[in-house]
């Protein structure tokens, strides 16, 4: 019979209590669940899931997922709002717990980081669903490790609900798992097809119109992406597109030289900093990379450790542009340097190229020439 890990519980408990206090004391207007609840009620109706919920920054809170995702949330809309909100928060907490339960590497460190993470607390307070993203990614990694590549791709296709992360994960599958790519493509096609059945042929255009609405992101400098760093530069859009393309190109390069699980560790963080839209709660996806890189011995390790503290995310909430810039720049720098160091330590060395990894991650010895 396994003993109860009292020391681990005692270490994590203060962080859990702080999160509970944050949820109990948050202002009533801090609530992004309204968008999910509204979308669940509007899907497959005449108004449509992307109907305009307001015309000012204070009231504009659109549904930013595909219609098939709104359809899966319909049971929540059968409840009263407060009851649905409570159930939703419980589901998100369970998602974080499931992520830790299926994680195999550094589970204790991940648990500690999550329990004291400002982005985790922020996501729960807002009702954001970023917990599902790290859960789907971790589940795909474990299924791939179990040689169930098609199933891994099917699970990874659930990331289509937040396409920011689907593209970099798709690059990893294309580089490392052919059968997994088939599963990912099939799962994505099913969800997109169901979205057309629910909302008609015009839903992609209506979705794009919402994404292009300037009310969606009135303060790009508070984002955790290259866009925040380049917002004040001439030709900011072009520079951002170049930076994002370079990040995705580098991910493709390293994915072909790393294990599938290691490449997946880099995919979500690089997807975030290359995203046109990502706020403090999205930093939840950085936790596995920062936990792997955190150390007091090196500059990169200390920067990653800083990214696990609440400090940079509190700076993002500041009122001074310089303070906000320091917050976003420090996190983005931590991602870049941690990713480079992670690749340097995990990539296949040049003298090992004679033993290559197939796309199925099985070792194969090249014949002598």
Protein backbone atom coordinates (compact mmCIF):
# COMPACT_ATOMS: atom_id res chain seq x y z
CA UNK A 1 0.00 0.00 0.00
CA UNK A 2 1.44 3.34 -1.02
CA UNK A 3 1.98 5.93 1.69
CA UNK A 4 0.45 9.39 1.45
CA UNK A 5 3.13 11.88 0.24
CA UNK A 6 2.62 14.29 3.14
CA UNK A 7 5.80 16.26 2.42
CA UNK A 8 4.77 16.90 -1.19
CA UNK A 9 1.27 17.87 -0.12
CA UNK A 10 2.63 20.26 2.50
CA UNK A 11 4.95 21.85 -0.07
CA UNK A 12 2.18 22.44 -2.61
CA UNK A 13 -0.59 23.33 -0.14
CA UNK A 14 0.32 27.04 0.36
CA UNK A 15 0.20 27.60 -3.40
CA UNK A 16 -3.19 25.87 -3.63
CA UNK A 17 -4.50 28.02 -0.78
CA UNK A 18 -3.27 31.17 -2.52
CA UNK A 19 -5.09 30.14 -5.71
CA UNK A 20 -8.25 29.44 -3.71
CA UNK A 21 -8.02 32.89 -2.15
CA UNK A 22 -7.54 34.47 -5.57
CA UNK A 23 -10.64 32.71 -6.93
CA UNK A 24 -12.68 33.70 -3.88
CA UNK A 25 -11.75 37.38 -4.02
CA UNK A 26 -11.64 38.07 -7.77
CA UNK A 27 -13.90 40.88 -9.05
CA UNK A 28 -17.15 39.78 -10.69
CA UNK A 29 -16.20 41.44 -14.02
CA UNK A 30 -13.05 39.30 -14.30
CA UNK A 31 -14.75 36.48 -16.14
CA UNK A 32 -13.96 35.13 -19.61
CA UNK A 33 -16.28 32.16 -19.10
CA UNK A 34 -19.07 34.42 -20.36
CA UNK A 35 -17.75 33.89 -23.90
CA UNK A 36 -17.79 30.10 -23.59
CA UNK A 37 -21.25 30.11 -22.03
CA UNK A 38 -22.60 32.44 -24.73
CA UNK A 39 -21.03 30.39 -27.51
CA UNK A 40 -22.55 27.19 -26.15
CA UNK A 41 -25.97 28.81 -26.28
CA UNK A 42 -25.59 30.33 -29.75
CA UNK A 43 -24.10 27.39 -31.65
CA UNK A 44 -26.40 26.10 -34.41
CA UNK A 45 -28.82 29.03 -34.04
CA UNK A 46 -29.84 31.78 -36.42
CA UNK A 47 -27.62 34.31 -34.63
CA UNK A 48 -24.54 32.10 -34.87
CA UNK A 49 -21.72 31.46 -32.45
CA UNK A 50 -19.77 34.56 -33.56
CA UNK A 51 -22.57 37.11 -33.13
CA UNK A 52 -21.21 40.42 -31.86
CA UNK A 53 -21.47 40.55 -28.05
CA UNK A 54 -20.62 44.26 -27.70
CA UNK A 55 -19.16 47.30 -29.41
CA UNK A 56 -16.72 48.58 -26.78
CA UNK A 57 -13.57 47.17 -25.16
CA UNK A 58 -15.47 46.72 -21.90
CA UNK A 59 -18.23 44.59 -23.44
CA UNK A 60 -16.51 42.93 -26.42
CA UNK A 61 -15.89 39.34 -25.35
CA UNK A 62 -16.41 37.11 -28.41
CA UNK A 63 -16.23 33.36 -28.66
CA UNK A 64 -12.75 32.57 -30.05
CA UNK A 65 -12.95 28.86 -30.72
CA UNK A 66 -14.32 26.79 -33.58
CA UNK A 67 -18.06 25.98 -33.60
CA UNK A 68 -17.60 22.28 -32.84
CA UNK A 69 -15.99 23.25 -29.52
CA UNK A 70 -19.02 25.40 -28.64
CA UNK A 71 -21.20 22.38 -29.40
CA UNK A 72 -19.30 20.25 -26.85
CA UNK A 73 -20.02 22.92 -24.22
CA UNK A 74 -23.80 22.85 -24.72
CA UNK A 75 -24.43 20.76 -21.57
CA UNK A 76 -23.00 23.64 -19.52
CA UNK A 77 -25.55 26.02 -21.05
CA UNK A 78 -28.35 23.82 -19.73
CA UNK A 79 -27.29 24.95 -16.23
CA UNK A 80 -27.73 28.36 -14.70
CA UNK A 81 -24.78 30.63 -15.20
CA UNK A 82 -23.31 30.41 -11.70
CA UNK A 83 -23.72 26.64 -11.56
CA UNK A 84 -22.15 26.30 -15.01
CA UNK A 85 -19.26 28.54 -13.94
CA UNK A 86 -18.60 26.39 -10.87
CA UNK A 87 -18.67 23.20 -12.94
CA UNK A 88 -16.36 24.79 -15.52
CA UNK A 89 -13.81 25.77 -12.86
CA UNK A 90 -13.91 22.22 -11.49
CA UNK A 91 -13.31 20.82 -14.99
CA UNK A 92 -10.29 23.10 -15.46
CA UNK A 93 -8.82 22.02 -12.11
CA UNK A 94 -9.35 18.38 -13.07
CA UNK A 95 -7.58 19.07 -16.38
CA UNK A 96 -4.52 20.35 -14.54
CA UNK A 97 -4.67 17.30 -12.29
CA UNK A 98 -4.94 14.96 -15.28
CA UNK A 99 -1.94 16.65 -16.88
CA UNK A 100 0.13 15.93 -13.76
CA UNK A 101 -1.23 12.39 -13.48
CA UNK A 102 -0.12 11.40 -16.99
CA UNK A 103 3.19 13.33 -16.88
CA UNK A 104 6.13 10.99 -16.36
CA UNK A 105 9.14 13.25 -16.36
CA UNK A 106 9.60 15.82 -13.54
CA UNK A 107 6.10 15.27 -12.17
CA UNK A 108 6.97 16.62 -8.72
CA UNK A 109 8.60 19.74 -10.13
CA UNK A 110 5.68 20.31 -12.50
CA UNK A 111 3.21 19.98 -9.64
CA UNK A 112 5.14 22.51 -7.57
CA UNK A 113 5.37 24.93 -10.50
CA UNK A 114 1.64 24.67 -11.24
CA UNK A 115 0.61 25.15 -7.62
CA UNK A 116 2.61 28.40 -7.40
CA UNK A 117 2.04 29.62 -10.96
CA UNK A 118 0.51 33.06 -11.46
CA UNK A 119 -0.61 32.15 -15.03
CA UNK A 120 -2.40 29.06 -13.69
CA UNK A 121 -4.18 31.12 -11.03
CA UNK A 122 -4.94 33.79 -13.64
CA UNK A 123 -6.40 31.24 -16.06
CA UNK A 124 -8.65 29.77 -13.36
CA UNK A 125 -9.77 33.22 -12.20
CA UNK A 126 -10.66 34.21 -15.78
CA UNK A 127 -12.15 30.84 -16.68
CA UNK A 128 -9.70 30.39 -19.57
CA UNK A 129 -9.29 26.87 -20.95
CA UNK A 130 -5.50 26.78 -21.38
CA UNK A 131 -5.38 23.74 -19.08
CA UNK A 132 -6.82 21.66 -21.92
CA UNK A 133 -3.94 22.66 -24.19
CA UNK A 134 -1.19 21.25 -21.98
CA UNK A 135 -3.35 18.21 -21.21
CA UNK A 136 -3.90 17.39 -24.91
CA UNK A 137 -0.21 17.91 -25.68
CA UNK A 138 0.94 15.70 -22.79
CA UNK A 139 -1.60 13.00 -23.69
CA UNK A 140 -0.32 13.02 -27.28
CA UNK A 141 3.26 12.63 -26.04
CA UNK A 142 2.38 9.65 -23.84
CA UNK A 143 0.35 7.95 -26.58
CA UNK A 144 3.22 8.41 -29.02
CA UNK A 145 5.63 6.91 -26.48
CA UNK A 146 3.30 3.91 -26.23
CA UNK A 147 3.58 3.45 -30.05
CA UNK A 148 -0.05 4.55 -30.54
CA UNK A 149 0.82 7.22 -33.04
CA UNK A 150 -2.53 7.57 -34.81
CA UNK A 151 -4.24 7.98 -31.44
CA UNK A 152 -1.60 10.55 -30.49
CA UNK A 153 -2.41 12.51 -33.64
CA UNK A 154 -6.15 12.31 -32.97
CA UNK A 155 -5.67 13.71 -29.47
CA UNK A 156 -3.31 16.42 -30.74
CA UNK A 157 -5.97 17.46 -33.27
CA UNK A 158 -8.04 18.70 -30.33
CA UNK A 159 -5.62 21.64 -30.26
CA UNK A 160 -7.58 23.02 -33.20
CA UNK A 161 -9.73 24.68 -30.52
CA UNK A 162 -6.79 27.07 -30.11
CA UNK A 163 -5.06 27.09 -33.47
CA UNK A 164 -2.11 29.07 -32.09
CA UNK A 165 -0.78 25.77 -30.80
CA UNK A 166 -2.06 23.41 -33.48
CA UNK A 167 0.38 24.61 -36.16
CA UNK A 168 3.64 24.15 -34.18
CA UNK A 169 2.45 20.77 -32.90
CA UNK A 170 1.58 19.78 -36.48
CA UNK A 171 5.15 20.65 -37.49
CA UNK A 172 6.47 18.25 -34.84
CA UNK A 173 4.19 15.47 -36.06
CA UNK A 174 5.21 16.05 -39.68
CA UNK A 175 8.88 15.92 -38.68
CA UNK A 176 8.74 12.93 -36.37
CA UNK A 177 5.57 10.86 -36.85
CA UNK A 178 4.06 10.02 -40.22
CA UNK A 179 1.22 7.89 -38.84
CA UNK A 180 0.59 10.46 -36.14
CA UNK A 181 0.25 13.12 -38.84
CA UNK A 182 -2.51 11.06 -40.43
CA UNK A 183 -4.37 10.96 -37.12
CA UNK A 184 -3.91 14.69 -36.59
CA UNK A 185 -5.17 15.50 -40.09
CA UNK A 186 -8.18 13.20 -39.71
CA UNK A 187 -9.13 14.58 -36.30
CA UNK A 188 -8.80 18.17 -37.49
CA UNK A 189 -10.88 17.46 -40.60
CA UNK A 190 -13.65 15.91 -38.50
CA UNK A 191 -13.84 18.94 -36.21
CA UNK A 192 -13.74 21.42 -39.07
CA UNK A 193 -16.36 19.45 -40.99
CA UNK A 194 -18.66 19.32 -37.96
CA UNK A 195 -18.21 23.08 -37.57
CA UNK A 196 -19.46 23.58 -41.15
CA UNK A 197 -22.44 21.35 -40.41
CA UNK A 198 -23.30 23.42 -37.33
CA UNK A 199 -22.70 26.96 -38.60
CA UNK A 200 -22.83 26.79 -42.38
CA UNK A 201 -20.24 27.63 -44.99
CA UNK A 202 -19.65 31.23 -43.86
CA UNK A 203 -18.38 30.55 -40.35
CA UNK A 204 -14.65 30.84 -41.25
CA UNK A 205 -15.24 34.36 -42.62
CA UNK A 206 -17.22 35.36 -39.53
CA UNK A 207 -14.51 33.89 -37.32
CA UNK A 208 -11.84 35.82 -39.24
CA UNK A 209 -13.84 39.03 -38.85
CA UNK A 210 -13.84 38.55 -35.07
CA UNK A 211 -10.08 37.92 -35.03
CA UNK A 212 -9.47 41.08 -37.09
CA UNK A 213 -11.67 43.27 -34.89
CA UNK A 214 -9.42 45.90 -33.21
CA UNK A 215 -11.51 45.60 -30.04
CA UNK A 216 -10.10 42.10 -29.55
CA UNK A 217 -6.62 43.21 -28.51
CA UNK A 218 -6.46 46.92 -27.65
CA UNK A 219 -3.13 46.46 -25.81
CA UNK A 220 -0.76 44.26 -27.84
CA UNK A 221 2.18 45.38 -25.67
CA UNK A 222 0.83 43.16 -22.87
CA UNK A 223 1.12 40.02 -24.99
CA UNK A 224 3.72 37.31 -24.55
CA UNK A 225 4.83 37.24 -28.17
CA UNK A 226 7.16 38.95 -30.60
CA UNK A 227 4.24 41.21 -31.44
CA UNK A 228 4.56 42.94 -28.04
CA UNK A 229 8.25 43.66 -28.59
CA UNK A 230 7.72 45.00 -32.12
CA UNK A 231 4.47 46.90 -31.59
CA UNK A 232 6.18 50.32 -31.56
CA UNK A 233 8.44 49.63 -34.56
CA UNK A 234 7.84 50.81 -38.13
CA UNK A 235 6.38 47.99 -40.26
CA UNK A 236 5.55 46.11 -37.05
CA UNK A 237 3.29 43.64 -38.85
CA UNK A 238 5.97 42.64 -41.36
CA UNK A 239 8.63 42.33 -38.66
CA UNK A 240 6.33 40.18 -36.55
CA UNK A 241 5.58 37.90 -39.49
CA UNK A 242 9.31 37.45 -40.13
CA UNK A 243 10.04 36.72 -36.46
CA UNK A 244 7.17 34.23 -36.25
CA UNK A 245 8.29 32.49 -39.45
CA UNK A 246 11.85 32.21 -38.13
CA UNK A 247 10.59 30.68 -34.89
CA UNK A 248 8.50 28.10 -36.75
CA UNK A 249 11.33 27.40 -39.18
CA UNK A 250 13.70 26.75 -36.29
CA UNK A 251 11.12 24.47 -34.66
CA UNK A 252 10.96 22.41 -37.87
CA UNK A 253 14.75 22.22 -37.96
CA UNK A 254 15.15 21.05 -34.36
CA UNK A 255 12.16 18.69 -34.47
CA UNK A 256 14.00 16.57 -37.03
CA UNK A 257 16.94 16.26 -34.64
CA UNK A 258 15.18 15.55 -31.32
CA UNK A 259 12.96 12.95 -29.75
CA UNK A 260 9.25 13.49 -30.30
CA UNK A 261 8.63 14.27 -26.62
CA UNK A 262 11.46 16.82 -26.53
CA UNK A 263 10.24 18.54 -29.69
CA UNK A 264 6.75 18.76 -28.18
CA UNK A 265 8.24 20.47 -25.13
CA UNK A 266 9.40 23.26 -27.45
CA UNK A 267 6.32 23.40 -29.69
CA UNK A 268 3.86 25.13 -27.36
CA UNK A 269 6.28 27.80 -26.03
CA UNK A 270 7.48 28.67 -29.54
CA UNK A 271 3.87 28.72 -30.68
CA UNK A 272 3.06 31.25 -27.98
CA UNK A 273 5.84 33.72 -28.74
CA UNK A 274 5.06 33.43 -32.47
CA UNK A 275 1.36 34.01 -31.87
CA UNK A 276 -0.44 37.25 -32.77
CA UNK A 277 -2.60 36.89 -29.66
CA UNK A 278 -1.43 35.50 -26.30
CA UNK A 279 -1.77 36.94 -22.81
CA UNK A 280 -0.45 36.13 -19.35
CA UNK A 281 -2.66 33.08 -18.78
CA UNK A 282 -1.19 31.49 -21.93
CA UNK A 283 2.15 31.27 -20.11
CA UNK A 284 0.81 28.03 -18.61
CA UNK A 285 2.21 26.33 -21.73
CA UNK A 286 5.70 27.52 -20.78
CA UNK A 287 5.81 25.58 -17.50
CA UNK A 288 7.23 22.26 -18.84
CA UNK A 289 10.05 24.03 -20.71
CA UNK A 290 10.90 26.34 -17.81
CA UNK A 291 10.85 23.45 -15.33
CA UNK A 292 13.30 21.57 -17.57
CA UNK A 293 15.62 24.58 -17.86
CA UNK A 294 15.31 26.17 -14.39
CA UNK A 295 18.58 26.34 -12.46
CA UNK A 296 20.58 28.71 -10.27
CA UNK A 297 23.84 27.70 -11.96
CA UNK A 298 23.48 29.37 -15.36
CA UNK A 299 22.07 32.59 -16.74
CA UNK A 300 19.57 30.69 -18.87
CA UNK A 301 18.52 28.60 -15.89
CA UNK A 302 18.00 31.67 -13.72
CA UNK A 303 16.00 33.35 -16.47
CA UNK A 304 13.77 30.27 -16.76
CA UNK A 305 13.37 30.23 -12.98
CA UNK A 306 12.36 33.90 -13.13
CA UNK A 307 9.72 32.90 -15.70
CA UNK A 308 8.21 30.50 -13.16
CA UNK A 309 7.78 33.24 -10.56
CA UNK A 310 4.79 35.64 -10.48
CA UNK A 311 7.05 38.67 -11.05
CA UNK A 312 7.04 39.04 -14.88
CA UNK A 313 3.29 38.44 -15.07
CA UNK A 314 2.61 41.05 -12.41
CA UNK A 315 4.77 43.46 -14.43
CA UNK A 316 2.53 42.79 -17.44
CA UNK A 317 -0.37 44.22 -15.43
CA UNK A 318 1.51 47.45 -14.73
CA UNK A 319 0.49 50.91 -15.93
CA UNK A 320 3.91 52.04 -17.16
CA UNK A 321 4.92 50.99 -20.72
CA UNK A 322 8.51 50.35 -19.64
CA UNK A 323 7.38 48.04 -16.83
CA UNK A 324 5.06 46.13 -19.13
CA UNK A 325 7.85 45.81 -21.72
CA UNK A 326 10.21 44.37 -19.10
CA UNK A 327 7.57 41.80 -18.17
CA UNK A 328 6.94 40.61 -21.72
CA UNK A 329 10.56 40.86 -22.87
CA UNK A 330 11.86 38.85 -19.90
CA UNK A 331 9.43 36.00 -20.53
CA UNK A 332 10.09 35.94 -24.28
CA UNK A 333 13.85 36.00 -23.67
CA UNK A 334 13.46 33.15 -21.19
CA UNK A 335 11.62 31.10 -23.82
CA UNK A 336 14.21 31.77 -26.53
CA UNK A 337 17.26 31.02 -24.39
CA UNK A 338 15.65 28.04 -22.65
CA UNK A 339 14.62 26.58 -26.02
CA UNK A 340 18.14 26.96 -27.42
CA UNK A 341 19.69 25.38 -24.33
CA UNK A 342 17.10 22.59 -24.32
CA UNK A 343 17.90 21.80 -27.94
CA UNK A 344 21.65 21.94 -27.29
CA UNK A 345 21.39 19.34 -24.52
CA UNK A 346 18.74 17.10 -26.11
CA UNK A 347 19.61 17.05 -29.82
CA UNK A 348 21.32 14.10 -31.44
CA UNK A 349 25.07 14.83 -31.51
CA UNK A 350 26.90 14.94 -34.82
CA UNK A 351 28.92 11.82 -33.99
CA UNK A 352 25.67 9.91 -33.48
CA UNK A 353 24.27 10.52 -36.96
CA UNK A 354 25.13 6.96 -37.94
CA UNK A 355 22.39 5.87 -35.52
CA UNK A 356 19.39 7.76 -36.80
CA UNK A 357 15.89 8.11 -35.42
CA UNK A 358 13.12 7.10 -37.77
CA UNK A 359 9.89 9.14 -37.83
CA UNK A 360 8.49 6.46 -35.49
CA UNK A 361 11.25 7.21 -32.97
CA UNK A 362 12.72 3.72 -33.26
CA UNK A 363 16.53 3.51 -33.46
CA UNK A 364 17.97 2.22 -36.72
CA UNK A 365 21.62 1.67 -37.49
CA UNK A 366 22.61 2.92 -40.92
CA UNK A 367 24.53 0.39 -43.01
CA UNK A 368 28.23 1.01 -43.34
CA UNK A 369 29.37 2.58 -46.56
